[in-house]
Amino acid sequence: MSAEPNIDQLYEQQIKALPRAAKLRLLARIADELVEAERQGRPLSARDLLAQAPGGRAFSTAAEVSAYLAQERDAWDS
């Protein structure tokens, strides 16, 4: 069994310095993976990185995550 990564350290070293658009692409990629896992019958866990939206708004379903990300992607094109 592999050790769980230190998310805080990973964020500080790899993600924090990324531009906003790159962070949103990363968020979208993670969300897509989680949605696919849910479609295959693997429920989202409380530890999922997308448990909280920016501003502290909780997502209760993968559909809410997808809708939020679609809205953000539309904003990139504006």
PDB file of N, CA and C in Angstrom:
ATOM      1  N   MET A   1       0.839  -1.166   0.000  1.00  0.00           N
ATOM      2  CA  MET A   1       0.000   0.000   0.000  1.00  0.00           C
ATOM      3  C   MET A   1       0.894   1.242   0.000  1.00  0.00           C
ATOM      4  N   SER A   2       0.590   2.221  -0.835  1.00  0.00           N
ATOM      5  CA  SER A   2       1.428   3.414  -0.906  1.00  0.00           C
ATOM      6  C   SER A   2       1.012   4.432   0.157  1.00  0.00           C
ATOM      7  N   ALA A   3       1.964   5.211   0.582  1.00  0.00           N
ATOM      8  CA  ALA A   3       1.698   6.238   1.584  1.00  0.00           C
ATOM      9  C   ALA A   3       0.903   7.373   0.958  1.00  0.00           C
ATOM     10  N   GLU A   4       0.016   7.939   1.754  1.00  0.00           N
ATOM     11  CA  GLU A   4      -0.776   9.071   1.277  1.00  0.00           C
ATOM     12  C   GLU A   4       0.127  10.305   1.160  1.00  0.00           C
ATOM     13  N   PRO A   5       0.019  11.028   0.052  1.00  0.00           N
ATOM     14  CA  PRO A   5       0.887  12.206  -0.106  1.00  0.00           C
ATOM     15  C   PRO A   5       0.505  13.315   0.880  1.00  0.00           C
ATOM     16  N   ASN A   6       1.467  14.132   1.204  1.00  0.00           N
ATOM     17  CA  ASN A   6       1.219  15.290   2.049  1.00  0.00           C
ATOM     18  C   ASN A   6       0.640  16.380   1.146  1.00  0.00           C
ATOM     19  N   ILE A   7      -0.669  16.543   1.178  1.00  0.00           N
ATOM     20  CA  ILE A   7      -1.368  17.468   0.281  1.00  0.00           C
ATOM     21  C   ILE A   7      -0.909  18.899   0.501  1.00  0.00           C
ATOM     22  N   ASP A   8      -0.712  19.301   1.751  1.00  0.00           N
ATOM     23  CA  ASP A   8      -0.271  20.674   2.021  1.00  0.00           C
ATOM     24  C   ASP A   8       1.103  20.943   1.413  1.00  0.00           C
ATOM     25  N   GLN A   9       1.997  19.978   1.562  1.00  0.00           N
ATOM     26  CA  GLN A   9       3.337  20.120   1.006  1.00  0.00           C
ATOM     27  C   GLN A   9       3.280  20.135  -0.526  1.00  0.00           C
ATOM     28  N   LEU A  10       2.501  19.243  -1.097  1.00  0.00           N
ATOM     29  CA  LEU A  10       2.334  19.194  -2.542  1.00  0.00           C
ATOM     30  C   LEU A  10       1.803  20.528  -3.061  1.00  0.00           C
ATOM     31  N   TYR A  11       0.811  21.066  -2.383  1.00  0.00           N
ATOM     32  CA  TYR A  11       0.239  22.345  -2.791  1.00  0.00           C
ATOM     33  C   TYR A  11       1.295  23.450  -2.734  1.00  0.00           C
ATOM     34  N   GLU A  12       1.991  23.551  -1.628  1.00  0.00           N
ATOM     35  CA  GLU A  12       2.985  24.615  -1.452  1.00  0.00           C
ATOM     36  C   GLU A  12       4.117  24.521  -2.469  1.00  0.00           C
ATOM     37  N   GLN A  13       4.566  23.307  -2.765  1.00  0.00           N
ATOM     38  CA  GLN A  13       5.719  23.124  -3.636  1.00  0.00           C
ATOM     39  C   GLN A  13       5.376  23.104  -5.123  1.00  0.00           C
ATOM     40  N   GLN A  14       4.194  22.637  -5.484  1.00  0.00           N
ATOM     41  CA  GLN A  14       3.894  22.421  -6.898  1.00  0.00           C
ATOM     42  C   GLN A  14       2.741  23.258  -7.443  1.00  0.00           C
ATOM     43  N   ILE A  15       1.757  23.555  -6.635  1.00  0.00           N
ATOM     44  CA  ILE A  15       0.524  24.129  -7.157  1.00  0.00           C
ATOM     45  C   ILE A  15       0.370  25.618  -6.866  1.00  0.00           C
ATOM     46  N   LYS A  16       0.766  26.045  -5.719  1.00  0.00           N
ATOM     47  CA  LYS A  16       0.543  27.422  -5.284  1.00  0.00           C
ATOM     48  C   LYS A  16       1.047  28.457  -6.291  1.00  0.00           C
ATOM     49  N   ALA A  17       2.182  28.218  -6.889  1.00  0.00           N
ATOM     50  CA  ALA A  17       2.787  29.193  -7.804  1.00  0.00           C
ATOM     51  C   ALA A  17       2.174  29.176  -9.203  1.00  0.00           C
ATOM     52  N   LEU A  18       1.331  28.194  -9.492  1.00  0.00           N
ATOM     53  CA  LEU A  18       0.729  28.126 -10.828  1.00  0.00           C
ATOM     54  C   LEU A  18      -0.202  29.310 -11.069  1.00  0.00           C
ATOM     55  N   PRO A  19      -0.321  29.745 -12.306  1.00  0.00           N
ATOM     56  CA  PRO A  19      -1.295  30.797 -12.625  1.00  0.00           C
ATOM     57  C   PRO A  19      -2.717  30.274 -12.398  1.00  0.00           C
ATOM     58  N   ARG A  20      -3.638  31.193 -12.207  1.00  0.00           N
ATOM     59  CA  ARG A  20      -5.031  30.851 -11.919  1.00  0.00           C
ATOM     60  C   ARG A  20      -5.613  29.897 -12.964  1.00  0.00           C
ATOM     61  N   ALA A  21      -5.372  30.157 -14.233  1.00  0.00           N
ATOM     62  CA  ALA A  21      -5.918  29.305 -15.291  1.00  0.00           C
ATOM     63  C   ALA A  21      -5.395  27.871 -15.178  1.00  0.00           C
ATOM     64  N   ALA A  22      -4.133  27.706 -14.843  1.00  0.00           N
ATOM     65  CA  ALA A  22      -3.564  26.364 -14.689  1.00  0.00           C
ATOM     66  C   ALA A  22      -4.170  25.659 -13.483  1.00  0.00           C
ATOM     67  N   LYS A  23      -4.395  26.396 -12.408  1.00  0.00           N
ATOM     68  CA  LYS A  23      -5.047  25.805 -11.229  1.00  0.00           C
ATOM     69  C   LYS A  23      -6.453  25.345 -11.577  1.00  0.00           C
ATOM     70  N   LEU A  24      -7.167  26.136 -12.348  1.00  0.00           N
ATOM     71  CA  LEU A  24      -8.528  25.756 -12.737  1.00  0.00           C
ATOM     72  C   LEU A  24      -8.521  24.529 -13.646  1.00  0.00           C
ATOM     73  N   ARG A  25      -7.532  24.439 -14.538  1.00  0.00           N
ATOM     74  CA  ARG A  25      -7.418  23.246 -15.389  1.00  0.00           C
ATOM     75  C   ARG A  25      -7.131  22.009 -14.535  1.00  0.00           C
ATOM     76  N   LEU A  26      -6.268  22.162 -13.548  1.00  0.00           N
ATOM     77  CA  LEU A  26      -5.963  21.058 -12.647  1.00  0.00           C
ATOM     78  C   LEU A  26      -7.214  20.646 -11.868  1.00  0.00           C
ATOM     79  N   LEU A  27      -7.928  21.617 -11.378  1.00  0.00           N
ATOM     80  CA  LEU A  27      -9.169  21.350 -10.654  1.00  0.00           C
ATOM     81  C   LEU A  27     -10.161  20.612 -11.545  1.00  0.00           C
ATOM     82  N   ALA A  28     -10.277  21.042 -12.794  1.00  0.00           N
ATOM     83  CA  ALA A  28     -11.189  20.394 -13.736  1.00  0.00           C
ATOM     84  C   ALA A  28     -10.762  18.950 -13.992  1.00  0.00           C
ATOM     85  N   ARG A  29      -9.483  18.728 -14.124  1.00  0.00           N
ATOM     86  CA  ARG A  29      -8.990  17.366 -14.385  1.00  0.00           C
ATOM     87  C   ARG A  29      -9.284  16.445 -13.210  1.00  0.00           C
ATOM     88  N   ILE A  30      -9.075  16.955 -12.001  1.00  0.00           N
ATOM     89  CA  ILE A  30      -9.371  16.158 -10.806  1.00  0.00           C
ATOM     90  C   ILE A  30     -10.868  15.882 -10.719  1.00  0.00           C
ATOM     91  N   ALA A  31     -11.681  16.906 -10.979  1.00  0.00           N
ATOM     92  CA  ALA A  31     -13.135  16.742 -10.929  1.00  0.00           C
ATOM     93  C   ALA A  31     -13.600  15.716 -11.947  1.00  0.00           C
ATOM     94  N   ASP A  32     -13.053  15.775 -13.155  1.00  0.00           N
ATOM     95  CA  ASP A  32     -13.430  14.812 -14.188  1.00  0.00           C
ATOM     96  C   ASP A  32     -13.117  13.386 -13.739  1.00  0.00           C
ATOM     97  N   GLU A  33     -11.964  13.212 -13.116  1.00  0.00           N
ATOM     98  CA  GLU A  33     -11.581  11.887 -12.619  1.00  0.00           C
ATOM     99  C   GLU A  33     -12.540  11.411 -11.534  1.00  0.00           C
ATOM    100  N   LEU A  34     -12.927  12.321 -10.641  1.00  0.00           N
ATOM    101  CA  LEU A  34     -13.842  11.957  -9.564  1.00  0.00           C
ATOM    102  C   LEU A  34     -15.237  11.645 -10.087  1.00  0.00           C
ATOM    103  N   VAL A  35     -15.674  12.410 -11.067  1.00  0.00           N
ATOM    104  CA  VAL A  35     -16.987  12.148 -11.675  1.00  0.00           C
ATOM    105  C   VAL A  35     -16.984  10.781 -12.339  1.00  0.00           C
ATOM    106  N   GLU A  36     -15.921  10.468 -13.062  1.00  0.00           N
ATOM    107  CA  GLU A  36     -15.823   9.167 -13.718  1.00  0.00           C
ATOM    108  C   GLU A  36     -15.825   8.042 -12.685  1.00  0.00           C
ATOM    109  N   ALA A  37     -15.127   8.239 -11.576  1.00  0.00           N
ATOM    110  CA  ALA A  37     -15.107   7.227 -10.519  1.00  0.00           C
ATOM    111  C   ALA A  37     -16.516   7.024  -9.959  1.00  0.00           C
ATOM    112  N   GLU A  38     -17.256   8.102  -9.788  1.00  0.00           N
ATOM    113  CA  GLU A  38     -18.620   7.990  -9.274  1.00  0.00           C
ATOM    114  C   GLU A  38     -19.503   7.250 -10.277  1.00  0.00           C
ATOM    115  N   ARG A  39     -19.334   7.526 -11.557  1.00  0.00           N
ATOM    116  CA  ARG A  39     -20.106   6.831 -12.596  1.00  0.00           C
ATOM    117  C   ARG A  39     -19.842   5.328 -12.568  1.00  0.00           C
ATOM    118  N   GLN A  40     -18.639   4.962 -12.193  1.00  0.00           N
ATOM    119  CA  GLN A  40     -18.266   3.548 -12.148  1.00  0.00           C
ATOM    120  C   GLN A  40     -18.633   2.910 -10.813  1.00  0.00           C
ATOM    121  N   GLY A  41     -19.353   3.652  -9.976  1.00  0.00           N
ATOM    122  CA  GLY A  41     -19.835   3.092  -8.722  1.00  0.00           C
ATOM    123  C   GLY A  41     -18.920   3.269  -7.540  1.00  0.00           C
ATOM    124  N   ARG A  42     -17.870   4.056  -7.688  1.00  0.00           N
ATOM    125  CA  ARG A  42     -16.984   4.321  -6.557  1.00  0.00           C
ATOM    126  C   ARG A  42     -17.372   5.679  -5.982  1.00  0.00           C
ATOM    127  N   PRO A  43     -17.995   5.717  -4.820  1.00  0.00           N
ATOM    128  CA  PRO A  43     -18.471   6.989  -4.271  1.00  0.00           C
ATOM    129  C   PRO A  43     -17.334   7.937  -3.920  1.00  0.00           C
ATOM    130  N   LEU A  44     -17.636   9.220  -3.964  1.00  0.00           N
ATOM    131  CA  LEU A  44     -16.667  10.230  -3.559  1.00  0.00           C
ATOM    132  C   LEU A  44     -16.469  10.138  -2.052  1.00  0.00           C
ATOM    133  N   SER A  45     -15.240  10.304  -1.610  1.00  0.00           N
ATOM    134  CA  SER A  45     -14.963  10.239  -0.179  1.00  0.00           C
ATOM    135  C   SER A  45     -14.847  11.642   0.400  1.00  0.00           C
ATOM    136  N   ALA A  46     -14.886  11.715   1.708  1.00  0.00           N
ATOM    137  CA  ALA A  46     -14.760  12.998   2.393  1.00  0.00           C
ATOM    138  C   ALA A  46     -13.390  13.607   2.187  1.00  0.00           C
ATOM    139  N   ARG A  47     -12.420  12.808   1.788  1.00  0.00           N
ATOM    140  CA  ARG A  47     -11.060  13.312   1.589  1.00  0.00           C
ATOM    141  C   ARG A  47     -10.811  13.861   0.195  1.00  0.00           C
ATOM    142  N   ASP A  48     -11.794  13.769  -0.676  1.00  0.00           N
ATOM    143  CA  ASP A  48     -11.587  14.248  -2.035  1.00  0.00           C
ATOM    144  C   ASP A  48     -11.187  15.723  -2.030  1.00  0.00           C
ATOM    145  N   LEU A  49     -10.298  16.057  -2.929  1.00  0.00           N
ATOM    146  CA  LEU A  49      -9.807  17.429  -2.994  1.00  0.00           C
ATOM    147  C   LEU A  49     -10.900  18.440  -3.302  1.00  0.00           C
ATOM    148  N   LEU A  50     -11.980  18.004  -3.891  1.00  0.00           N
ATOM    149  CA  LEU A  50     -13.038  18.933  -4.263  1.00  0.00           C
ATOM    150  C   LEU A  50     -14.164  18.989  -3.248  1.00  0.00           C
ATOM    151  N   ALA A  51     -13.903  18.599  -2.024  1.00  0.00           N
ATOM    152  CA  ALA A  51     -14.941  18.627  -1.000  1.00  0.00           C
ATOM    153  C   ALA A  51     -15.402  20.053  -0.729  1.00  0.00           C
ATOM    154  N   GLN A  52     -14.557  21.013  -0.978  1.00  0.00           N
ATOM    155  CA  GLN A  52     -14.906  22.411  -0.752  1.00  0.00           C
ATOM    156  C   GLN A  52     -14.636  23.233  -1.997  1.00  0.00           C
ATOM    157  N   ALA A  53     -15.595  24.042  -2.352  1.00  0.00           N
ATOM    158  CA  ALA A  53     -15.415  24.983  -3.452  1.00  0.00           C
ATOM    159  C   ALA A  53     -14.709  26.213  -2.913  1.00  0.00           C
ATOM    160  N   PRO A  54     -14.157  27.048  -3.803  1.00  0.00           N
ATOM    161  CA  PRO A  54     -13.605  28.309  -3.338  1.00  0.00           C
ATOM    162  C   PRO A  54     -14.660  29.077  -2.552  1.00  0.00           C
ATOM    163  N   GLY A  55     -14.265  29.680  -1.466  1.00  0.00           N
ATOM    164  CA  GLY A  55     -15.206  30.411  -0.631  1.00  0.00           C
ATOM    165  C   GLY A  55     -15.876  29.534   0.407  1.00  0.00           C
ATOM    166  N   GLY A  56     -15.511  28.259   0.472  1.00  0.00           N
ATOM    167  CA  GLY A  56     -16.035  27.378   1.503  1.00  0.00           C
ATOM    168  C   GLY A  56     -17.360  26.715   1.186  1.00  0.00           C
ATOM    169  N   ARG A  57     -17.902  26.912  -0.001  1.00  0.00           N
ATOM    170  CA  ARG A  57     -19.173  26.285  -0.360  1.00  0.00           C
ATOM    171  C   ARG A  57     -18.945  24.797  -0.592  1.00  0.00           C
ATOM    172  N   ALA A  58     -19.679  23.974   0.116  1.00  0.00           N
ATOM    173  CA  ALA A  58     -19.511  22.522  -0.025  1.00  0.00           C
ATOM    174  C   ALA A  58     -20.273  22.005  -1.231  1.00  0.00           C
ATOM    175  N   PHE A  59     -19.669  21.081  -1.946  1.00  0.00           N
ATOM    176  CA  PHE A  59     -20.357  20.363  -3.021  1.00  0.00           C
ATOM    177  C   PHE A  59     -20.897  19.080  -2.411  1.00  0.00           C
ATOM    178  N   SER A  60     -22.131  18.755  -2.712  1.00  0.00           N
ATOM    179  CA  SER A  60     -22.682  17.506  -2.186  1.00  0.00           C
ATOM    180  C   SER A  60     -22.722  16.408  -3.236  1.00  0.00           C
ATOM    181  N   THR A  61     -22.609  16.774  -4.509  1.00  0.00           N
ATOM    182  CA  THR A  61     -22.624  15.755  -5.562  1.00  0.00           C
ATOM    183  C   THR A  61     -21.588  16.094  -6.627  1.00  0.00           C
ATOM    184  N   ALA A  62     -21.232  15.087  -7.388  1.00  0.00           N
ATOM    185  CA  ALA A  62     -20.310  15.297  -8.501  1.00  0.00           C
ATOM    186  C   ALA A  62     -20.946  16.199  -9.556  1.00  0.00           C
ATOM    187  N   ALA A  63     -22.277  16.148  -9.677  1.00  0.00           N
ATOM    188  CA  ALA A  63     -22.963  17.008 -10.645  1.00  0.00           C
ATOM    189  C   ALA A  63     -22.770  18.482 -10.297  1.00  0.00           C
ATOM    190  N   GLU A  64     -22.783  18.805  -9.011  1.00  0.00           N
ATOM    191  CA  GLU A  64     -22.530  20.191  -8.599  1.00  0.00           C
ATOM    192  C   GLU A  64     -21.106  20.610  -8.942  1.00  0.00           C
ATOM    193  N   VAL A  65     -20.157  19.706  -8.760  1.00  0.00           N
ATOM    194  CA  VAL A  65     -18.761  19.992  -9.122  1.00  0.00           C
ATOM    195  C   VAL A  65     -18.678  20.264 -10.614  1.00  0.00           C
ATOM    196  N   SER A  66     -19.312  19.413 -11.414  1.00  0.00           N
ATOM    197  CA  SER A  66     -19.278  19.580 -12.863  1.00  0.00           C
ATOM    198  C   SER A  66     -19.903  20.899 -13.297  1.00  0.00           C
ATOM    199  N   ALA A  67     -21.020  21.258 -12.683  1.00  0.00           N
ATOM    200  CA  ALA A  67     -21.680  22.523 -13.025  1.00  0.00           C
ATOM    201  C   ALA A  67     -20.795  23.710 -12.660  1.00  0.00           C
ATOM    202  N   TYR A  68     -20.171  23.643 -11.499  1.00  0.00           N
ATOM    203  CA  TYR A  68     -19.277  24.722 -11.071  1.00  0.00           C
ATOM    204  C   TYR A  68     -18.103  24.854 -12.049  1.00  0.00           C
ATOM    205  N   LEU A  69     -17.520  23.726 -12.429  1.00  0.00           N
ATOM    206  CA  LEU A  69     -16.374  23.772 -13.333  1.00  0.00           C
ATOM    207  C   LEU A  69     -16.766  24.262 -14.717  1.00  0.00           C
ATOM    208  N   ALA A  70     -17.946  23.890 -15.176  1.00  0.00           N
ATOM    209  CA  ALA A  70     -18.423  24.390 -16.471  1.00  0.00           C
ATOM    210  C   ALA A  70     -18.545  25.911 -16.432  1.00  0.00           C
ATOM    211  N   GLN A  71     -19.054  26.414 -15.340  1.00  0.00           N
ATOM    212  CA  GLN A  71     -19.170  27.874 -15.165  1.00  0.00           C
ATOM    213  C   GLN A  71     -17.788  28.526 -15.184  1.00  0.00           C
ATOM    214  N   GLU A  72     -16.831  27.924 -14.502  1.00  0.00           N
ATOM    215  CA  GLU A  72     -15.476  28.473 -14.482  1.00  0.00           C
ATOM    216  C   GLU A  72     -14.836  28.412 -15.872  1.00  0.00           C
ATOM    217  N   ARG A  73     -15.033  27.311 -16.582  1.00  0.00           N
ATOM    218  CA  ARG A  73     -14.465  27.196 -17.929  1.00  0.00           C
ATOM    219  C   ARG A  73     -15.044  28.262 -18.855  1.00  0.00           C
ATOM    220  N   ASP A  74     -16.347  28.531 -18.723  1.00  0.00           N
ATOM    221  CA  ASP A  74     -16.971  29.579 -19.525  1.00  0.00           C
ATOM    222  C   ASP A  74     -16.336  30.927 -19.215  1.00  0.00           C
ATOM    223  N   ALA A  75     -15.984  31.145 -17.962  1.00  0.00           N
ATOM    224  CA  ALA A  75     -15.363  32.412 -17.567  1.00  0.00           C
ATOM    225  C   ALA A  75     -13.971  32.567 -18.186  1.00  0.00           C
ATOM    226  N   TRP A  76     -13.265  31.465 -18.430  1.00  0.00           N
ATOM    227  CA  TRP A  76     -11.935  31.538 -19.045  1.00  0.00           C
ATOM    228  C   TRP A  76     -12.037  32.147 -20.445  1.00  0.00           C
ATOM    229  N   ASP A  77     -13.121  31.813 -21.138  1.00  0.00           N
ATOM    230  CA  ASP A  77     -13.283  32.254 -22.516  1.00  0.00           C
ATOM    231  C   ASP A  77     -13.759  33.696 -22.630  1.00  0.00           C
ATOM    232  N   SER A  78     -14.179  34.265 -21.518  1.00  0.00           N
ATOM    233  CA  SER A  78     -14.701  35.646 -21.542  1.00  0.00           C
ATOM    234  C   SER A  78     -13.584  36.665 -21.554  1.00  0.00           C
TER     235      SER A  78
END
